[in-house]
Amino acid sequence: MAVYIFGHKSPDSDTVCGAIALADLKSKLGTAATPVTQEKINPESKFILEKYGFSVPEIMTSFAGKQVMLVDFSDLAQGPADLAKADILAIVDHHKLGDVTTPNPLECWIWPVGCSCTVLKSMYDFAGVEIPKNIAGIMLCAILSDTVIFKSATCTDKDKEAAKALATIAGEDNLDALGMEMFKVKSAVAGTPVRELVMRDYKDFNMSNKKVGIGQLEVIDLAILDDVKEALAKDIKVLKEEGGRHSVFLLLTDIMKEGSEILFACDDPAILEKAFGATPQNGTVWLPGVMSRKKQVVPYLEKAFAG
């Protein structure tokens, strides 16, 4: 039976590149595997795949009765609607353990690092499988993306070590330049539909039985978003009502200033002050030093919603 490997909805570069890498590793270990995505990939991921000669994986939305492996998530809300009807063989992730459960034992690699591809690098090493040059390239880019070129609070020494080793294999000797090239692509917003921007890196979470959406747009200068910020604020209000969500938060992250502005649509705006100790001004909150949704936003909001 074919095995399908995919990551979370609104796929980012770690999700896309990680699925391709895991499919390569598993295929070489005797399990024929195919990387797929749940949705259209973003411009940065497309740039990375083109740079290293990969085709964009097929989009699949239904996996009932199929054997699957998950990369970069373990939350049901971030998977397909019929994930519970699939046979989950493995999970490779770097987030907190979610609410996915399985009737059978599974292979599980979940490490507290900045990127799933850092975990995958160790999986190749553990299995004694050589990483191809092009696979090393996309894994390296995923690490640079997820760690914001090593600036994110989620970045660990393991991420830096993995990136260094992958760079050698891929023949990349200027990681700052490569990272900035990627983020320039990620920062391009002209002509992109507002909803596509909102959903570019978006996840839903269950926080104390309330559905909470958190998206993130990473740019090299927040001024790039000046012309669309009002439209973004309006669209997250629509998104909130469409999905019966309690709140939607959109992080506008400036990778050069190293901070994030949060746009929000929320039934209880006091949640922001409770979570971050910051009072909203003109419908937004600026959080200096905050660049990681996983480590610097989600845990604080979960705590605020819990009590």
Protein backbone atom coordinates (compact mmCIF):
# COMPACT_ATOMS: atom_id res chain seq x y z
CA MET A 1 0.00 0.00 0.00
CA ALA A 2 1.25 3.49 -0.86
CA VAL A 3 2.26 5.73 2.03
CA TYR A 4 1.49 9.45 1.84
CA ILE A 5 3.51 12.01 3.77
CA PHE A 6 2.19 15.50 4.45
CA GLY A 7 2.23 18.38 6.88
CA HIS A 8 -0.27 20.84 8.30
CA LYS A 9 -2.79 23.03 6.50
CA SER A 10 -1.46 26.34 5.12
CA PRO A 11 1.81 24.52 4.38
CA ASP A 12 5.05 26.35 5.12
CA SER A 13 8.53 25.44 3.94
CA ASP A 14 9.24 23.04 6.82
CA THR A 15 6.02 21.17 6.06
CA VAL A 16 6.71 20.94 2.33
CA CYS A 17 10.45 20.27 2.42
CA GLY A 18 10.12 17.95 5.40
CA ALA A 19 7.55 15.79 3.63
CA ILE A 20 9.81 15.49 0.58
CA ALA A 21 12.83 14.60 2.73
CA LEU A 22 10.96 12.02 4.80
CA ALA A 23 9.57 10.42 1.64
CA ASP A 24 13.14 10.17 0.27
CA LEU A 25 14.42 8.63 3.49
CA LYS A 26 11.58 6.13 3.87
CA SER A 27 11.74 5.11 0.20
CA LYS A 28 15.45 4.37 0.58
CA LEU A 29 14.68 2.29 3.66
CA GLY A 30 12.19 0.17 1.73
CA THR A 31 8.86 1.94 2.27
CA ALA A 32 7.57 3.51 -0.94
CA ALA A 33 6.35 6.95 0.11
CA THR A 34 4.90 9.97 -1.70
CA PRO A 35 5.04 13.56 -0.40
CA VAL A 36 1.82 15.55 -0.80
CA THR A 37 0.35 18.77 0.58
CA GLN A 38 -3.10 19.57 1.91
CA GLU A 39 -3.22 22.96 0.20
CA LYS A 40 -1.40 25.21 -2.26
CA ILE A 41 2.17 25.99 -1.21
CA ASN A 42 3.38 29.54 -0.54
CA PRO A 43 5.79 31.58 -2.72
CA GLU A 44 8.79 30.92 -0.48
CA SER A 45 8.31 27.15 -0.65
CA LYS A 46 7.85 27.31 -4.42
CA PHE A 47 11.10 29.31 -4.69
CA ILE A 48 12.97 26.71 -2.63
CA LEU A 49 11.68 23.76 -4.67
CA GLU A 50 12.52 25.47 -7.96
CA LYS A 51 15.99 26.40 -6.72
CA TYR A 52 16.85 22.76 -5.98
CA GLY A 53 14.98 21.17 -8.89
CA PHE A 54 11.87 19.71 -7.25
CA SER A 55 8.32 19.62 -8.55
CA VAL A 56 5.52 20.92 -6.35
CA PRO A 57 3.86 17.96 -4.56
CA GLU A 58 0.30 17.01 -5.46
CA ILE A 59 -2.51 18.41 -3.32
CA MET A 60 -4.55 15.76 -1.45
CA THR A 61 -7.37 16.43 0.99
CA SER A 62 -8.72 12.99 1.86
CA PHE A 63 -6.79 10.13 3.46
CA ALA A 64 -9.42 7.76 4.87
CA GLY A 65 -8.18 4.19 4.63
CA LYS A 66 -4.69 5.29 3.56
CA GLN A 67 -1.37 4.87 5.33
CA VAL A 68 0.14 8.24 6.21
CA MET A 69 3.04 9.91 7.98
CA LEU A 70 2.74 13.40 9.47
CA VAL A 71 5.41 16.09 9.36
CA ASP A 72 5.41 19.34 11.35
CA PHE A 73 2.13 18.79 13.21
CA SER A 74 0.20 16.44 15.48
CA ASP A 75 -2.99 18.46 16.00
CA LEU A 76 -6.24 17.21 14.48
CA ALA A 77 -7.29 20.79 13.70
CA GLN A 78 -4.30 21.14 11.37
CA GLY A 79 -4.96 17.92 9.49
CA PRO A 80 -7.55 16.73 6.95
CA ALA A 81 -11.12 16.17 8.13
CA ASP A 82 -10.79 12.38 7.82
CA LEU A 83 -7.38 12.01 9.47
CA ALA A 84 -8.89 9.83 12.22
CA LYS A 85 -9.82 7.31 9.50
CA ALA A 86 -6.23 7.07 8.22
CA ASP A 87 -3.54 4.69 9.45
CA ILE A 88 -0.86 6.96 10.93
CA LEU A 89 2.52 5.24 10.77
CA ALA A 90 4.80 8.06 11.94
CA ILE A 91 5.00 11.63 13.21
CA VAL A 92 8.02 13.92 12.80
CA ASP A 93 7.56 17.27 14.51
CA HIS A 94 9.06 20.05 16.61
CA HIS A 95 5.89 21.40 18.25
CA LYS A 96 4.15 20.31 21.42
CA LEU A 97 2.36 16.98 21.21
CA GLY A 98 -1.13 17.54 19.85
CA ASP A 99 -4.36 15.54 20.09
CA VAL A 100 -3.74 13.00 17.32
CA THR A 101 -4.14 9.47 18.67
CA THR A 102 -3.55 6.08 17.05
CA PRO A 103 -4.87 2.57 17.71
CA ASN A 104 -1.44 1.07 17.00
CA PRO A 105 2.14 1.89 17.99
CA LEU A 106 3.90 4.32 15.66
CA GLU A 107 7.29 5.81 14.93
CA CYS A 108 7.44 9.20 16.64
CA TRP A 109 10.21 11.80 16.51
CA ILE A 110 9.19 15.00 18.31
CA TRP A 111 12.08 17.16 19.46
CA PRO A 112 12.23 20.64 21.06
CA VAL A 113 14.10 22.27 18.18
CA GLY A 114 13.36 25.06 15.73
CA CYS A 115 12.48 23.00 12.67
CA SER A 116 11.27 19.52 11.73
CA CYS A 117 14.06 19.27 9.17
CA THR A 118 16.56 19.41 12.03
CA VAL A 119 14.91 16.24 13.35
CA LEU A 120 14.97 14.73 9.87
CA LYS A 121 18.72 15.37 9.59
CA SER A 122 19.20 13.20 12.68
CA MET A 123 16.88 10.55 11.25
CA TYR A 124 19.06 10.27 8.13
CA ASP A 125 22.14 9.99 10.37
CA PHE A 126 20.48 7.41 12.63
CA ALA A 127 19.54 5.27 9.61
CA GLY A 128 22.98 5.66 8.03
CA VAL A 129 21.47 7.08 4.83
CA GLU A 130 23.38 9.68 2.85
CA ILE A 131 21.47 12.92 2.25
CA PRO A 132 21.36 13.89 -1.46
CA LYS A 133 22.63 17.36 -2.34
CA ASN A 134 19.23 18.66 -3.44
CA ILE A 135 17.44 17.22 -0.39
CA ALA A 136 20.08 18.85 1.83
CA GLY A 137 19.37 22.15 0.09
CA ILE A 138 15.64 22.17 0.78
CA MET A 139 16.15 20.96 4.37
CA LEU A 140 18.65 23.77 4.94
CA CYS A 141 16.20 26.35 3.58
CA ALA A 142 13.44 25.01 5.81
CA ILE A 143 15.67 25.49 8.86
CA LEU A 144 16.59 29.02 7.78
CA SER A 145 12.90 29.79 7.28
CA ASP A 146 11.59 28.31 10.54
CA THR A 147 14.36 29.82 12.67
CA VAL A 148 14.21 33.18 10.82
CA ILE A 149 17.89 32.81 9.88
CA PHE A 150 18.68 31.69 13.47
CA LYS A 151 17.02 34.78 15.06
CA SER A 152 13.91 33.06 16.39
CA ALA A 153 13.54 32.15 20.05
CA THR A 154 12.90 28.58 18.89
CA CYS A 155 16.37 28.23 17.36
CA THR A 156 18.68 25.79 19.15
CA ASP A 157 22.29 24.72 18.78
CA LYS A 158 20.97 21.54 17.13
CA ASP A 159 19.36 23.65 14.38
CA LYS A 160 22.61 25.52 13.78
CA GLU A 161 24.62 22.27 13.71
CA ALA A 162 22.18 20.66 11.28
CA ALA A 163 22.16 23.73 9.04
CA LYS A 164 25.96 23.82 8.94
CA ALA A 165 26.16 20.15 7.97
CA LEU A 166 23.41 20.47 5.36
CA ALA A 167 25.04 23.58 3.90
CA THR A 168 28.25 21.62 3.33
CA ILE A 169 26.33 18.87 1.52
CA ALA A 170 24.31 21.38 -0.51
CA GLY A 171 27.32 23.52 -1.42
CA GLU A 172 25.90 26.66 0.21
CA ASP A 173 28.49 28.90 1.88
CA ASN A 174 26.53 32.07 2.68
CA LEU A 175 23.51 31.23 4.81
CA ASP A 176 22.65 34.85 5.60
CA ALA A 177 22.45 35.67 1.89
CA LEU A 178 20.40 32.54 1.17
CA GLY A 179 18.04 33.32 4.03
CA MET A 180 17.53 36.92 2.93
CA GLU A 181 16.88 35.76 -0.64
CA MET A 182 14.11 33.54 0.71
CA PHE A 183 12.62 36.24 2.92
CA LYS A 184 12.53 38.72 0.05
CA VAL A 185 10.35 36.21 -1.79
CA LYS A 186 8.25 35.70 1.35
CA SER A 187 7.85 39.48 1.74
CA ALA A 188 6.33 39.97 -1.74
CA VAL A 189 2.66 40.84 -1.24
CA ALA A 190 1.79 42.95 -4.30
CA GLY A 191 -1.11 41.46 -6.24
CA THR A 192 -1.73 38.69 -3.70
CA PRO A 193 -5.35 38.30 -2.53
CA VAL A 194 -5.81 39.38 1.08
CA ARG A 195 -7.23 36.04 2.19
CA GLU A 196 -4.22 34.27 0.69
CA LEU A 197 -1.95 36.51 2.79
CA VAL A 198 -3.95 35.80 5.94
CA MET A 199 -3.78 32.05 5.31
CA ARG A 200 -0.16 31.96 4.11
CA ASP A 201 1.05 30.63 7.46
CA TYR A 202 -2.10 30.04 9.49
CA LYS A 203 -3.14 27.49 12.11
CA ASP A 204 -6.26 26.86 14.20
CA PHE A 205 -5.88 25.87 17.84
CA ASN A 206 -8.21 24.58 20.54
CA MET A 207 -7.68 26.79 23.58
CA SER A 208 -9.87 25.83 26.54
CA ASN A 209 -12.54 24.60 24.11
CA LYS A 210 -12.42 27.80 22.09
CA LYS A 211 -11.38 27.81 18.45
CA VAL A 212 -8.51 30.28 18.04
CA GLY A 213 -6.78 31.05 14.75
CA ILE A 214 -3.23 32.40 14.59
CA GLY A 215 -1.58 33.46 11.35
CA GLN A 216 1.84 34.96 10.68
CA LEU A 217 3.30 37.06 7.89
CA GLU A 218 7.07 37.45 8.04
CA VAL A 219 8.54 40.37 6.09
CA ILE A 220 11.87 42.18 5.98
CA ASP A 221 10.14 45.51 6.71
CA LEU A 222 6.61 46.08 8.07
CA ALA A 223 6.27 49.06 5.75
CA ILE A 224 5.77 46.52 2.96
CA LEU A 225 2.36 45.79 4.51
CA ASP A 226 1.19 49.39 4.94
CA ASP A 227 -1.07 49.31 1.88
CA VAL A 228 -2.78 46.05 2.88
CA LYS A 229 -2.88 46.27 6.68
CA GLU A 230 -6.41 47.67 6.81
CA ALA A 231 -7.66 44.96 4.46
CA LEU A 232 -5.91 42.30 6.55
CA ALA A 233 -7.62 43.59 9.70
CA LYS A 234 -11.02 43.44 7.99
CA ASP A 235 -10.44 39.96 6.59
CA ILE A 236 -9.52 38.36 9.91
CA LYS A 237 -12.85 39.61 11.28
CA VAL A 238 -14.61 37.87 8.40
CA LEU A 239 -12.51 34.72 8.94
CA LYS A 240 -13.44 34.73 12.63
CA GLU A 241 -17.16 34.73 11.86
CA GLU A 242 -16.88 32.23 8.99
CA GLY A 243 -15.32 29.55 11.15
CA GLY A 244 -17.16 30.17 14.40
CA ARG A 245 -13.89 31.17 15.99
CA HIS A 246 -13.55 32.96 19.32
CA SER A 247 -10.53 34.87 18.05
CA VAL A 248 -8.18 35.31 15.11
CA PHE A 249 -4.73 36.81 15.63
CA LEU A 250 -2.41 37.77 12.77
CA LEU A 251 1.26 38.34 13.52
CA LEU A 252 3.04 40.77 11.24
CA THR A 253 6.66 39.92 11.95
CA ASP A 254 9.52 42.26 11.04
CA ILE A 255 12.61 40.08 10.78
CA MET A 256 14.98 43.05 10.74
CA LYS A 257 13.48 44.89 13.73
CA GLU A 258 12.91 41.52 15.42
CA GLY A 259 9.39 42.03 16.66
CA SER A 260 5.76 41.47 15.72
CA GLU A 261 2.66 43.60 15.40
CA ILE A 262 -0.54 41.68 16.15
CA LEU A 263 -3.78 42.40 14.36
CA PHE A 264 -6.74 40.78 16.09
CA ALA A 265 -10.42 39.96 15.87
CA CYS A 266 -11.42 38.81 19.33
CA ASP A 267 -14.54 38.46 21.49
CA ASP A 268 -12.41 39.44 24.48
CA PRO A 269 -9.56 41.87 23.60
CA ALA A 270 -8.46 41.81 27.25
CA ILE A 271 -6.97 38.40 26.42
CA LEU A 272 -4.06 40.21 24.74
CA GLU A 273 -3.22 42.22 27.83
CA LYS A 274 -3.57 39.11 29.96
CA ALA A 275 -1.29 37.11 27.67
CA PHE A 276 1.35 39.69 26.83
CA GLY A 277 0.92 42.56 29.29
CA ALA A 278 0.39 44.92 26.35
CA THR A 279 -2.59 47.21 25.85
CA PRO A 280 -3.99 47.36 22.29
CA GLN A 281 -3.52 50.69 20.54
CA ASN A 282 -5.65 51.46 17.46
CA GLY A 283 -6.57 47.81 17.09
CA THR A 284 -3.04 46.44 17.20
CA VAL A 285 -0.36 45.40 19.69
CA TRP A 286 3.41 45.66 19.12
CA LEU A 287 5.48 42.93 20.80
CA PRO A 288 9.23 43.63 20.67
CA GLY A 289 11.42 40.56 20.35
CA VAL A 290 8.49 38.29 19.51
CA MET A 291 9.16 36.29 16.34
CA SER A 292 7.99 32.77 17.14
CA ARG A 293 4.30 31.83 17.13
CA LYS A 294 5.15 28.43 18.60
CA LYS A 295 7.23 29.58 21.56
CA GLN A 296 6.35 33.23 22.18
CA VAL A 297 2.66 33.47 21.29
CA VAL A 298 0.74 30.18 21.52
CA PRO A 299 1.78 29.22 25.09
CA TYR A 300 0.91 32.68 26.45
CA LEU A 301 -2.47 32.74 24.75
CA GLU A 302 -3.24 29.21 25.96
CA LYS A 303 -2.47 30.27 29.52
CA ALA A 304 -4.61 33.40 29.17
CA PHE A 305 -7.56 31.42 27.78
CA ALA A 306 -7.20 28.83 30.53
CA GLY A 307 -7.56 31.24 33.35
